[in-house]
Amino acid sequence: MSRTCGGPENAHRRDVLRRLALGLAAVPLASLPQRAPAAAAATLLSEDDPLAKAQGYVADAHRAKGAQGGALCSNCSIYGGVPGTDSGPCMIFPGKLVKAAGWCKAWSSL
């Protein structure tokens, strides 16, 4: 007995393989961090935090030594806050919020 390429067994096998591939493709998406809950649970970064001190973070960029004119956390390429809010997440300080008007040594232009 010969099997044909388009037979019911192959259609079922293709369907199973397709579902398996879709499931495997979804695994990386499921492991992505949830932004909204993480931001809601984050606390405001203190200037006394050891990592903040190491990066020269200040909540008010006007007090920053070495800050370029107009350089703020809110216009930094690694700031993740929503425009118009007073604070937001930063990749340099995971789990913490930084002031939009702040600055640190990691500042980089957009």
PDB file of N, CA and C in Angstrom:
ATOM      1  N   MET A   1       0.837  -1.155   0.000  1.00  0.00           N
ATOM      2  CA  MET A   1       0.000   0.000   0.000  1.00  0.00           C
ATOM      3  C   MET A   1       0.898   1.240   0.000  1.00  0.00           C
ATOM      4  N   SER A   2       0.653   2.132  -0.908  1.00  0.00           N
ATOM      5  CA  SER A   2       1.484   3.339  -0.984  1.00  0.00           C
ATOM      6  C   SER A   2       0.715   4.530  -0.441  1.00  0.00           C
ATOM      7  N   ARG A   3       1.457   5.417   0.166  1.00  0.00           N
ATOM      8  CA  ARG A   3       0.850   6.641   0.705  1.00  0.00           C
ATOM      9  C   ARG A   3       1.085   7.775  -0.275  1.00  0.00           C
ATOM     10  N   THR A   4       0.130   8.643  -0.366  1.00  0.00           N
ATOM     11  CA  THR A   4       0.292   9.803  -1.249  1.00  0.00           C
ATOM     12  C   THR A   4       0.675  11.005  -0.406  1.00  0.00           C
ATOM     13  N   CYS A   5       1.312  11.933  -1.049  1.00  0.00           N
ATOM     14  CA  CYS A   5       1.781  13.122  -0.325  1.00  0.00           C
ATOM     15  C   CYS A   5       0.632  13.972   0.192  1.00  0.00           C
ATOM     16  N   GLY A   6      -0.501  13.910  -0.447  1.00  0.00           N
ATOM     17  CA  GLY A   6      -1.610  14.757  -0.046  1.00  0.00           C
ATOM     18  C   GLY A   6      -2.660  14.018   0.750  1.00  0.00           C
ATOM     19  N   GLY A   7      -2.356  12.842   1.262  1.00  0.00           N
ATOM     20  CA  GLY A   7      -3.329  12.036   1.987  1.00  0.00           C
ATOM     21  C   GLY A   7      -3.692  12.618   3.337  1.00  0.00           C
ATOM     22  N   PRO A   8      -4.739  12.047   3.986  1.00  0.00           N
ATOM     23  CA  PRO A   8      -5.194  12.547   5.276  1.00  0.00           C
ATOM     24  C   PRO A   8      -4.142  12.457   6.369  1.00  0.00           C
ATOM     25  N   GLU A   9      -3.272  11.430   6.311  1.00  0.00           N
ATOM     26  CA  GLU A   9      -2.232  11.312   7.332  1.00  0.00           C
ATOM     27  C   GLU A   9      -1.278  12.504   7.271  1.00  0.00           C
ATOM     28  N   ASN A  10      -0.909  12.888   6.067  1.00  0.00           N
ATOM     29  CA  ASN A  10       0.016  14.014   5.899  1.00  0.00           C
ATOM     30  C   ASN A  10      -0.643  15.342   6.260  1.00  0.00           C
ATOM     31  N   ALA A  11      -1.931  15.468   5.974  1.00  0.00           N
ATOM     32  CA  ALA A  11      -2.637  16.701   6.328  1.00  0.00           C
ATOM     33  C   ALA A  11      -2.673  16.844   7.850  1.00  0.00           C
ATOM     34  N   HIS A  12      -2.931  15.749   8.537  1.00  0.00           N
ATOM     35  CA  HIS A  12      -2.941  15.775  10.007  1.00  0.00           C
ATOM     36  C   HIS A  12      -1.544  16.080  10.536  1.00  0.00           C
ATOM     37  N   ARG A  13      -0.540  15.464   9.963  1.00  0.00           N
ATOM     38  CA  ARG A  13       0.840  15.699  10.390  1.00  0.00           C
ATOM     39  C   ARG A  13       1.224  17.157  10.173  1.00  0.00           C
ATOM     40  N   ARG A  14       0.863  17.712   9.031  1.00  0.00           N
ATOM     41  CA  ARG A  14       1.162  19.123   8.749  1.00  0.00           C
ATOM     42  C   ARG A  14       0.455  20.031   9.752  1.00  0.00           C
ATOM     43  N   ASP A  15      -0.795  19.702  10.089  1.00  0.00           N
ATOM     44  CA  ASP A  15      -1.537  20.506  11.058  1.00  0.00           C
ATOM     45  C   ASP A  15      -0.859  20.455  12.427  1.00  0.00           C
ATOM     46  N   VAL A  16      -0.421  19.271  12.850  1.00  0.00           N
ATOM     47  CA  VAL A  16       0.267  19.125  14.135  1.00  0.00           C
ATOM     48  C   VAL A  16       1.576  19.906  14.124  1.00  0.00           C
ATOM     49  N   LEU A  17       2.344  19.793  13.067  1.00  0.00           N
ATOM     50  CA  LEU A  17       3.617  20.517  12.968  1.00  0.00           C
ATOM     51  C   LEU A  17       3.399  22.030  12.942  1.00  0.00           C
ATOM     52  N   ARG A  18       2.355  22.477  12.262  1.00  0.00           N
ATOM     53  CA  ARG A  18       2.048  23.909  12.204  1.00  0.00           C
ATOM     54  C   ARG A  18       1.711  24.427  13.603  1.00  0.00           C
ATOM     55  N   ARG A  19       0.894  23.680  14.339  1.00  0.00           N
ATOM     56  CA  ARG A  19       0.525  24.095  15.698  1.00  0.00           C
ATOM     57  C   ARG A  19       1.742  24.090  16.621  1.00  0.00           C
ATOM     58  N   LEU A  20       2.594  23.105  16.453  1.00  0.00           N
ATOM     59  CA  LEU A  20       3.816  23.025  17.255  1.00  0.00           C
ATOM     60  C   LEU A  20       4.715  24.228  16.982  1.00  0.00           C
ATOM     61  N   ALA A  21       4.860  24.575  15.708  1.00  0.00           N
ATOM     62  CA  ALA A  21       5.695  25.723  15.341  1.00  0.00           C
ATOM     63  C   ALA A  21       5.121  27.022  15.898  1.00  0.00           C
ATOM     64  N   LEU A  22       3.806  27.187  15.845  1.00  0.00           N
ATOM     65  CA  LEU A  22       3.185  28.396  16.406  1.00  0.00           C
ATOM     66  C   LEU A  22       3.374  28.446  17.918  1.00  0.00           C
ATOM     67  N   GLY A  23       3.240  27.306  18.567  1.00  0.00           N
ATOM     68  CA  GLY A  23       3.443  27.259  20.016  1.00  0.00           C
ATOM     69  C   GLY A  23       4.864  27.607  20.397  1.00  0.00           C
ATOM     70  N   LEU A  24       5.832  27.064  19.663  1.00  0.00           N
ATOM     71  CA  LEU A  24       7.236  27.361  19.943  1.00  0.00           C
ATOM     72  C   LEU A  24       7.563  28.824  19.673  1.00  0.00           C
ATOM     73  N   ALA A  25       6.923  29.399  18.660  1.00  0.00           N
ATOM     74  CA  ALA A  25       7.162  30.809  18.346  1.00  0.00           C
ATOM     75  C   ALA A  25       6.609  31.717  19.443  1.00  0.00           C
ATOM     76  N   ALA A  26       5.579  31.262  20.152  1.00  0.00           N
ATOM     77  CA  ALA A  26       4.965  32.082  21.193  1.00  0.00           C
ATOM     78  C   ALA A  26       5.746  32.039  22.510  1.00  0.00           C
ATOM     79  N   VAL A  27       6.626  31.067  22.692  1.00  0.00           N
ATOM     80  CA  VAL A  27       7.366  30.939  23.949  1.00  0.00           C
ATOM     81  C   VAL A  27       8.176  32.194  24.268  1.00  0.00           C
ATOM     82  N   PRO A  28       8.957  32.749  23.330  1.00  0.00           N
ATOM     83  CA  PRO A  28       9.699  33.979  23.662  1.00  0.00           C
ATOM     84  C   PRO A  28       8.780  35.145  24.022  1.00  0.00           C
ATOM     85  N   LEU A  29       7.626  35.226  23.394  1.00  0.00           N
ATOM     86  CA  LEU A  29       6.694  36.313  23.710  1.00  0.00           C
ATOM     87  C   LEU A  29       6.161  36.189  25.126  1.00  0.00           C
ATOM     88  N   ALA A  30       5.936  34.978  25.576  1.00  0.00           N
ATOM     89  CA  ALA A  30       5.419  34.771  26.926  1.00  0.00           C
ATOM     90  C   ALA A  30       6.451  35.130  27.982  1.00  0.00           C
ATOM     91  N   SER A  31       7.719  35.076  27.624  1.00  0.00           N
ATOM     92  CA  SER A  31       8.759  35.372  28.615  1.00  0.00           C
ATOM     93  C   SER A  31       9.116  36.859  28.669  1.00  0.00           C
ATOM     94  N   LEU A  32       8.531  37.684  27.804  1.00  0.00           N
ATOM     95  CA  LEU A  32       8.809  39.121  27.841  1.00  0.00           C
ATOM     96  C   LEU A  32       8.236  39.728  29.117  1.00  0.00           C
ATOM     97  N   PRO A  33       8.954  40.671  29.716  1.00  0.00           N
ATOM     98  CA  PRO A  33       8.437  41.295  30.929  1.00  0.00           C
ATOM     99  C   PRO A  33       7.199  42.130  30.624  1.00  0.00           C
ATOM    100  N   GLN A  34       6.297  42.159  31.553  1.00  0.00           N
ATOM    101  CA  GLN A  34       5.099  42.976  31.420  1.00  0.00           C
ATOM    102  C   GLN A  34       5.435  44.386  31.873  1.00  0.00           C
ATOM    103  N   ARG A  35       5.354  45.369  30.975  1.00  0.00           N
ATOM    104  CA  ARG A  35       5.784  46.727  31.291  1.00  0.00           C
ATOM    105  C   ARG A  35       4.877  47.425  32.304  1.00  0.00           C
ATOM    106  N   ALA A  36       3.590  47.390  32.124  1.00  0.00           N
ATOM    107  CA  ALA A  36       2.694  48.156  32.991  1.00  0.00           C
ATOM    108  C   ALA A  36       2.777  47.705  34.447  1.00  0.00           C
ATOM    109  N   PRO A  37       2.623  46.428  34.752  1.00  0.00           N
ATOM    110  CA  PRO A  37       2.711  46.043  36.159  1.00  0.00           C
ATOM    111  C   PRO A  37       4.083  46.316  36.761  1.00  0.00           C
ATOM    112  N   ALA A  38       5.139  46.125  35.989  1.00  0.00           N
ATOM    113  CA  ALA A  38       6.484  46.367  36.511  1.00  0.00           C
ATOM    114  C   ALA A  38       6.664  47.842  36.850  1.00  0.00           C
ATOM    115  N   ALA A  39       6.183  48.713  35.990  1.00  0.00           N
ATOM    116  CA  ALA A  39       6.317  50.140  36.241  1.00  0.00           C
ATOM    117  C   ALA A  39       5.477  50.557  37.450  1.00  0.00           C
ATOM    118  N   ALA A  40       4.313  49.940  37.616  1.00  0.00           N
ATOM    119  CA  ALA A  40       3.452  50.286  38.737  1.00  0.00           C
ATOM    120  C   ALA A  40       4.096  49.875  40.059  1.00  0.00           C
ATOM    121  N   ALA A  41       4.860  48.781  40.063  1.00  0.00           N
ATOM    122  CA  ALA A  41       5.476  48.292  41.290  1.00  0.00           C
ATOM    123  C   ALA A  41       6.815  48.971  41.579  1.00  0.00           C
ATOM    124  N   ALA A  42       7.360  49.705  40.630  1.00  0.00           N
ATOM    125  CA  ALA A  42       8.668  50.337  40.793  1.00  0.00           C
ATOM    126  C   ALA A  42       8.585  51.496  41.780  1.00  0.00           C
ATOM    127  N   THR A  43       9.707  51.721  42.455  1.00  0.00           N
ATOM    128  CA  THR A  43       9.797  52.839  43.392  1.00  0.00           C
ATOM    129  C   THR A  43      10.745  53.892  42.820  1.00  0.00           C
ATOM    130  N   LEU A  44      10.597  55.101  43.303  1.00  0.00           N
ATOM    131  CA  LEU A  44      11.423  56.206  42.831  1.00  0.00           C
ATOM    132  C   LEU A  44      12.863  56.021  43.307  1.00  0.00           C
ATOM    133  N   LEU A  45      13.801  56.185  42.407  1.00  0.00           N
ATOM    134  CA  LEU A  45      15.219  56.045  42.707  1.00  0.00           C
ATOM    135  C   LEU A  45      15.677  57.161  43.635  1.00  0.00           C
ATOM    136  N   SER A  46      16.396  56.777  44.655  1.00  0.00           N
ATOM    137  CA  SER A  46      16.966  57.746  45.599  1.00  0.00           C
ATOM    138  C   SER A  46      18.368  58.121  45.131  1.00  0.00           C
ATOM    139  N   GLU A  47      18.731  59.366  45.316  1.00  0.00           N
ATOM    140  CA  GLU A  47      20.081  59.801  44.977  1.00  0.00           C
ATOM    141  C   GLU A  47      21.113  59.119  45.870  1.00  0.00           C
ATOM    142  N   ASP A  48      20.682  58.570  46.995  1.00  0.00           N
ATOM    143  CA  ASP A  48      21.577  57.869  47.921  1.00  0.00           C
ATOM    144  C   ASP A  48      21.783  56.403  47.553  1.00  0.00           C
ATOM    145  N   ASP A  49      21.024  55.892  46.590  1.00  0.00           N
ATOM    146  CA  ASP A  49      21.173  54.513  46.143  1.00  0.00           C
ATOM    147  C   ASP A  49      22.597  54.328  45.610  1.00  0.00           C
ATOM    148  N   PRO A  50      23.284  53.234  45.965  1.00  0.00           N
ATOM    149  CA  PRO A  50      24.670  53.032  45.501  1.00  0.00           C
ATOM    150  C   PRO A  50      24.830  53.090  43.976  1.00  0.00           C
ATOM    151  N   LEU A  51      23.885  52.512  43.244  1.00  0.00           N
ATOM    152  CA  LEU A  51      23.976  52.560  41.780  1.00  0.00           C
ATOM    153  C   LEU A  51      23.750  53.983  41.273  1.00  0.00           C
ATOM    154  N   ALA A  52      22.828  54.700  41.915  1.00  0.00           N
ATOM    155  CA  ALA A  52      22.589  56.095  41.532  1.00  0.00           C
ATOM    156  C   ALA A  52      23.839  56.927  41.755  1.00  0.00           C
ATOM    157  N   LYS A  53      24.500  56.715  42.897  1.00  0.00           N
ATOM    158  CA  LYS A  53      25.739  57.443  43.183  1.00  0.00           C
ATOM    159  C   LYS A  53      26.828  57.103  42.161  1.00  0.00           C
ATOM    160  N   ALA A  54      26.920  55.826  41.801  1.00  0.00           N
ATOM    161  CA  ALA A  54      27.942  55.411  40.836  1.00  0.00           C
ATOM    162  C   ALA A  54      27.720  56.054  39.466  1.00  0.00           C
ATOM    163  N   GLN A  55      26.466  56.300  39.129  1.00  0.00           N
ATOM    164  CA  GLN A  55      26.151  56.909  37.839  1.00  0.00           C
ATOM    165  C   GLN A  55      26.005  58.432  37.922  1.00  0.00           C
ATOM    166  N   GLY A  56      26.186  58.984  39.111  1.00  0.00           N
ATOM    167  CA  GLY A  56      26.068  60.436  39.272  1.00  0.00           C
ATOM    168  C   GLY A  56      24.646  60.933  39.086  1.00  0.00           C
ATOM    169  N   TYR A  57      23.650  60.086  39.392  1.00  0.00           N
ATOM    170  CA  TYR A  57      22.244  60.465  39.214  1.00  0.00           C
ATOM    171  C   TYR A  57      21.837  61.570  40.170  1.00  0.00           C
ATOM    172  N   VAL A  58      21.140  62.555  39.628  1.00  0.00           N
ATOM    173  CA  VAL A  58      20.499  63.593  40.422  1.00  0.00           C
ATOM    174  C   VAL A  58      19.070  63.745  39.916  1.00  0.00           C
ATOM    175  N   ALA A  59      18.153  64.005  40.827  1.00  0.00           N
ATOM    176  CA  ALA A  59      16.739  64.130  40.466  1.00  0.00           C
ATOM    177  C   ALA A  59      16.452  65.440  39.733  1.00  0.00           C
ATOM    178  N   ASP A  60      17.343  66.413  39.868  1.00  0.00           N
ATOM    179  CA  ASP A  60      17.206  67.709  39.201  1.00  0.00           C
ATOM    180  C   ASP A  60      18.473  67.970  38.390  1.00  0.00           C
ATOM    181  N   ALA A  61      18.369  67.918  37.083  1.00  0.00           N
ATOM    182  CA  ALA A  61      19.525  68.059  36.199  1.00  0.00           C
ATOM    183  C   ALA A  61      20.254  69.386  36.381  1.00  0.00           C
ATOM    184  N   HIS A  62      19.578  70.396  36.909  1.00  0.00           N
ATOM    185  CA  HIS A  62      20.238  71.688  37.126  1.00  0.00           C
ATOM    186  C   HIS A  62      21.343  71.583  38.173  1.00  0.00           C
ATOM    187  N   ARG A  63      21.267  70.573  39.013  1.00  0.00           N
ATOM    188  CA  ARG A  63      22.296  70.370  40.045  1.00  0.00           C
ATOM    189  C   ARG A  63      23.392  69.404  39.582  1.00  0.00           C
ATOM    190  N   ALA A  64      23.284  68.888  38.386  1.00  0.00           N
ATOM    191  CA  ALA A  64      24.235  67.877  37.902  1.00  0.00           C
ATOM    192  C   ALA A  64      25.555  68.515  37.499  1.00  0.00           C
ATOM    193  N   LYS A  65      26.627  67.885  37.935  1.00  0.00           N
ATOM    194  CA  LYS A  65      27.962  68.305  37.507  1.00  0.00           C
ATOM    195  C   LYS A  65      28.306  67.492  36.271  1.00  0.00           C
ATOM    196  N   GLY A  66      28.620  68.144  35.196  1.00  0.00           N
ATOM    197  CA  GLY A  66      28.980  67.450  33.963  1.00  0.00           C
ATOM    198  C   GLY A  66      27.832  67.252  32.992  1.00  0.00           C
ATOM    199  N   ALA A  67      26.630  67.679  33.344  1.00  0.00           N
ATOM    200  CA  ALA A  67      25.483  67.525  32.441  1.00  0.00           C
ATOM    201  C   ALA A  67      25.573  68.557  31.325  1.00  0.00           C
ATOM    202  N   GLN A  68      25.304  68.118  30.117  1.00  0.00           N
ATOM    203  CA  GLN A  68      25.261  69.039  28.984  1.00  0.00           C
ATOM    204  C   GLN A  68      23.970  69.840  29.070  1.00  0.00           C
ATOM    205  N   GLY A  69      23.982  71.047  28.555  1.00  0.00           N
ATOM    206  CA  GLY A  69      22.783  71.884  28.585  1.00  0.00           C
ATOM    207  C   GLY A  69      21.594  71.188  27.950  1.00  0.00           C
ATOM    208  N   GLY A  70      20.497  71.142  28.663  1.00  0.00           N
ATOM    209  CA  GLY A  70      19.270  70.533  28.149  1.00  0.00           C
ATOM    210  C   GLY A  70      19.197  69.026  28.293  1.00  0.00           C
ATOM    211  N   ALA A  71      20.239  68.394  28.824  1.00  0.00           N
ATOM    212  CA  ALA A  71      20.243  66.938  28.992  1.00  0.00           C
ATOM    213  C   ALA A  71      19.405  66.570  30.210  1.00  0.00           C
ATOM    214  N   LEU A  72      18.341  65.832  29.982  1.00  0.00           N
ATOM    215  CA  LEU A  72      17.429  65.375  31.034  1.00  0.00           C
ATOM    216  C   LEU A  72      17.148  63.890  30.835  1.00  0.00           C
ATOM    217  N   CYS A  73      16.724  63.247  31.896  1.00  0.00           N
ATOM    218  CA  CYS A  73      16.312  61.847  31.751  1.00  0.00           C
ATOM    219  C   CYS A  73      15.201  61.733  30.705  1.00  0.00           C
ATOM    220  N   SER A  74      14.290  62.688  30.682  1.00  0.00           N
ATOM    221  CA  SER A  74      13.149  62.622  29.762  1.00  0.00           C
ATOM    222  C   SER A  74      13.546  62.683  28.291  1.00  0.00           C
ATOM    223  N   ASN A  75      14.733  63.216  27.964  1.00  0.00           N
ATOM    224  CA  ASN A  75      15.152  63.239  26.563  1.00  0.00           C
ATOM    225  C   ASN A  75      16.360  62.337  26.316  1.00  0.00           C
ATOM    226  N   CYS A  76      16.536  61.361  27.201  1.00  0.00           N
ATOM    227  CA  CYS A  76      17.609  60.369  27.061  1.00  0.00           C
ATOM    228  C   CYS A  76      17.086  59.186  26.241  1.00  0.00           C
ATOM    229  N   SER A  77      17.954  58.598  25.463  1.00  0.00           N
ATOM    230  CA  SER A  77      17.539  57.485  24.601  1.00  0.00           C
ATOM    231  C   SER A  77      17.179  56.221  25.369  1.00  0.00           C
ATOM    232  N   ILE A  78      17.604  56.095  26.627  1.00  0.00           N
ATOM    233  CA  ILE A  78      17.301  54.878  27.382  1.00  0.00           C
ATOM    234  C   ILE A  78      16.220  55.088  28.437  1.00  0.00           C
ATOM    235  N   TYR A  79      15.612  56.256  28.460  1.00  0.00           N
ATOM    236  CA  TYR A  79      14.501  56.544  29.371  1.00  0.00           C
ATOM    237  C   TYR A  79      13.227  55.943  28.805  1.00  0.00           C
ATOM    238  N   GLY A  80      12.450  55.296  29.636  1.00  0.00           N
ATOM    239  CA  GLY A  80      11.240  54.628  29.156  1.00  0.00           C
ATOM    240  C   GLY A  80       9.949  55.254  29.637  1.00  0.00           C
ATOM    241  N   GLY A  81       9.996  56.465  30.152  1.00  0.00           N
ATOM    242  CA  GLY A  81       8.794  57.106  30.675  1.00  0.00           C
ATOM    243  C   GLY A  81       7.906  57.670  29.578  1.00  0.00           C
ATOM    244  N   VAL A  82       6.667  57.897  29.930  1.00  0.00           N
ATOM    245  CA  VAL A  82       5.684  58.481  29.023  1.00  0.00           C
ATOM    246  C   VAL A  82       5.862  59.995  29.026  1.00  0.00           C
ATOM    247  N   PRO A  83       5.897  60.610  27.847  1.00  0.00           N
ATOM    248  CA  PRO A  83       6.046  62.069  27.802  1.00  0.00           C
ATOM    249  C   PRO A  83       4.955  62.765  28.624  1.00  0.00           C
ATOM    250  N   GLY A  84       5.362  63.776  29.365  1.00  0.00           N
ATOM    251  CA  GLY A  84       4.424  64.544  30.171  1.00  0.00           C
ATOM    252  C   GLY A  84       4.289  64.057  31.609  1.00  0.00           C
ATOM    253  N   THR A  85       4.879  62.914  31.947  1.00  0.00           N
ATOM    254  CA  THR A  85       4.833  62.428  33.327  1.00  0.00           C
ATOM    255  C   THR A  85       6.100  62.872  34.052  1.00  0.00           C
ATOM    256  N   ASP A  86       6.046  62.899  35.374  1.00  0.00           N
ATOM    257  CA  ASP A  86       7.198  63.410  36.125  1.00  0.00           C
ATOM    258  C   ASP A  86       8.263  62.362  36.407  1.00  0.00           C
ATOM    259  N   SER A  87       7.990  61.078  36.124  1.00  0.00           N
ATOM    260  CA  SER A  87       8.999  60.037  36.321  1.00  0.00           C
ATOM    261  C   SER A  87       8.696  58.848  35.413  1.00  0.00           C
ATOM    262  N   GLY A  88       9.702  57.986  35.273  1.00  0.00           N
ATOM    263  CA  GLY A  88       9.516  56.804  34.438  1.00  0.00           C
ATOM    264  C   GLY A  88      10.671  55.840  34.620  1.00  0.00           C
ATOM    265  N   PRO A  89      10.562  54.652  34.016  1.00  0.00           N
ATOM    266  CA  PRO A  89      11.611  53.642  34.150  1.00  0.00           C
ATOM    267  C   PRO A  89      12.841  53.978  33.304  1.00  0.00           C
ATOM    268  N   CYS A  90      13.969  53.431  33.732  1.00  0.00           N
ATOM    269  CA  CYS A  90      15.225  53.600  33.008  1.00  0.00           C
ATOM    270  C   CYS A  90      15.940  52.261  32.996  1.00  0.00           C
ATOM    271  N   MET A  91      16.525  51.890  31.869  1.00  0.00           N
ATOM    272  CA  MET A  91      17.220  50.605  31.765  1.00  0.00           C
ATOM    273  C   MET A  91      18.458  50.541  32.664  1.00  0.00           C
ATOM    274  N   ILE A  92      19.028  51.667  33.016  1.00  0.00           N
ATOM    275  CA  ILE A  92      20.211  51.692  33.869  1.00  0.00           C
ATOM    276  C   ILE A  92      19.860  51.304  35.307  1.00  0.00           C
ATOM    277  N   PHE A  93      18.644  51.651  35.722  1.00  0.00           N
ATOM    278  CA  PHE A  93      18.199  51.404  37.097  1.00  0.00           C
ATOM    279  C   PHE A  93      16.968  50.496  37.089  1.00  0.00           C
ATOM    280  N   PRO A  94      17.142  49.202  36.844  1.00  0.00           N
ATOM    281  CA  PRO A  94      15.989  48.305  36.748  1.00  0.00           C
ATOM    282  C   PRO A  94      15.175  48.260  38.039  1.00  0.00           C
ATOM    283  N   GLY A  95      13.852  48.280  37.877  1.00  0.00           N
ATOM    284  CA  GLY A  95      12.952  48.225  39.020  1.00  0.00           C
ATOM    285  C   GLY A  95      12.763  49.548  39.720  1.00  0.00           C
ATOM    286  N   LYS A  96      13.369  50.595  39.205  1.00  0.00           N
ATOM    287  CA  LYS A  96      13.269  51.929  39.818  1.00  0.00           C
ATOM    288  C   LYS A  96      12.744  52.922  38.789  1.00  0.00           C
ATOM    289  N   LEU A  97      12.136  53.967  39.285  1.00  0.00           N
ATOM    290  CA  LEU A  97      11.712  55.080  38.445  1.00  0.00           C
ATOM    291  C   LEU A  97      12.683  56.230  38.664  1.00  0.00           C
ATOM    292  N   VAL A  98      12.963  56.964  37.609  1.00  0.00           N
ATOM    293  CA  VAL A  98      13.821  58.149  37.711  1.00  0.00           C
ATOM    294  C   VAL A  98      12.981  59.375  37.382  1.00  0.00           C
ATOM    295  N   LYS A  99      13.369  60.488  37.912  1.00  0.00           N
ATOM    296  CA  LYS A  99      12.670  61.738  37.625  1.00  0.00           C
ATOM    297  C   LYS A  99      12.928  62.145  36.182  1.00  0.00           C
ATOM    298  N   ALA A 100      11.890  62.588  35.494  1.00  0.00           N
ATOM    299  CA  ALA A 100      12.032  63.041  34.114  1.00  0.00           C
ATOM    300  C   ALA A 100      12.990  64.224  34.029  1.00  0.00           C
ATOM    301  N   ALA A 101      13.030  65.046  35.084  1.00  0.00           N
ATOM    302  CA  ALA A 101      13.911  66.218  35.130  1.00  0.00           C
ATOM    303  C   ALA A 101      15.295  65.875  35.642  1.00  0.00           C
ATOM    304  N   GLY A 102      15.577  64.578  35.871  1.00  0.00           N
ATOM    305  CA  GLY A 102      16.864  64.154  36.403  1.00  0.00           C
ATOM    306  C   GLY A 102      17.917  63.984  35.321  1.00  0.00           C
ATOM    307  N   TRP A 103      19.087  63.494  35.756  1.00  0.00           N
ATOM    308  CA  TRP A 103      20.213  63.273  34.844  1.00  0.00           C
ATOM    309  C   TRP A 103      21.183  62.296  35.490  1.00  0.00           C
ATOM    310  N   CYS A 104      21.922  61.529  34.665  1.00  0.00           N
ATOM    311  CA  CYS A 104      23.026  60.712  35.144  1.00  0.00           C
ATOM    312  C   CYS A 104      24.084  60.598  34.047  1.00  0.00           C
ATOM    313  N   LYS A 105      25.224  60.009  34.390  1.00  0.00           N
ATOM    314  CA  LYS A 105      26.342  59.890  33.452  1.00  0.00           C
ATOM    315  C   LYS A 105      26.020  59.026  32.231  1.00  0.00           C
ATOM    316  N   ALA A 106      25.014  58.184  32.334  1.00  0.00           N
ATOM    317  CA  ALA A 106      24.660  57.289  31.224  1.00  0.00           C
ATOM    318  C   ALA A 106      23.804  58.000  30.174  1.00  0.00           C
ATOM    319  N   TRP A 107      23.477  59.276  30.375  1.00  0.00           N
ATOM    320  CA  TRP A 107      22.621  59.999  29.445  1.00  0.00           C
ATOM    321  C   TRP A 107      23.171  59.914  28.028  1.00  0.00           C
ATOM    322  N   SER A 108      22.283  59.650  27.082  1.00  0.00           N
ATOM    323  CA  SER A 108      22.663  59.658  25.663  1.00  0.00           C
ATOM    324  C   SER A 108      21.538  60.266  24.848  1.00  0.00           C
ATOM    325  N   SER A 109      21.911  60.936  23.782  1.00  0.00           N
ATOM    326  CA  SER A 109      20.916  61.633  22.967  1.00  0.00           C
ATOM    327  C   SER A 109      20.038  60.660  22.200  1.00  0.00           C
ATOM    328  N   LEU A 110      18.862  61.135  21.863  1.00  0.00           N
ATOM    329  CA  LEU A 110      17.899  60.316  21.124  1.00  0.00           C
ATOM    330  C   LEU A 110      18.346  60.098  19.747  1.00  0.00           C
TER     331      LEU A 110
END
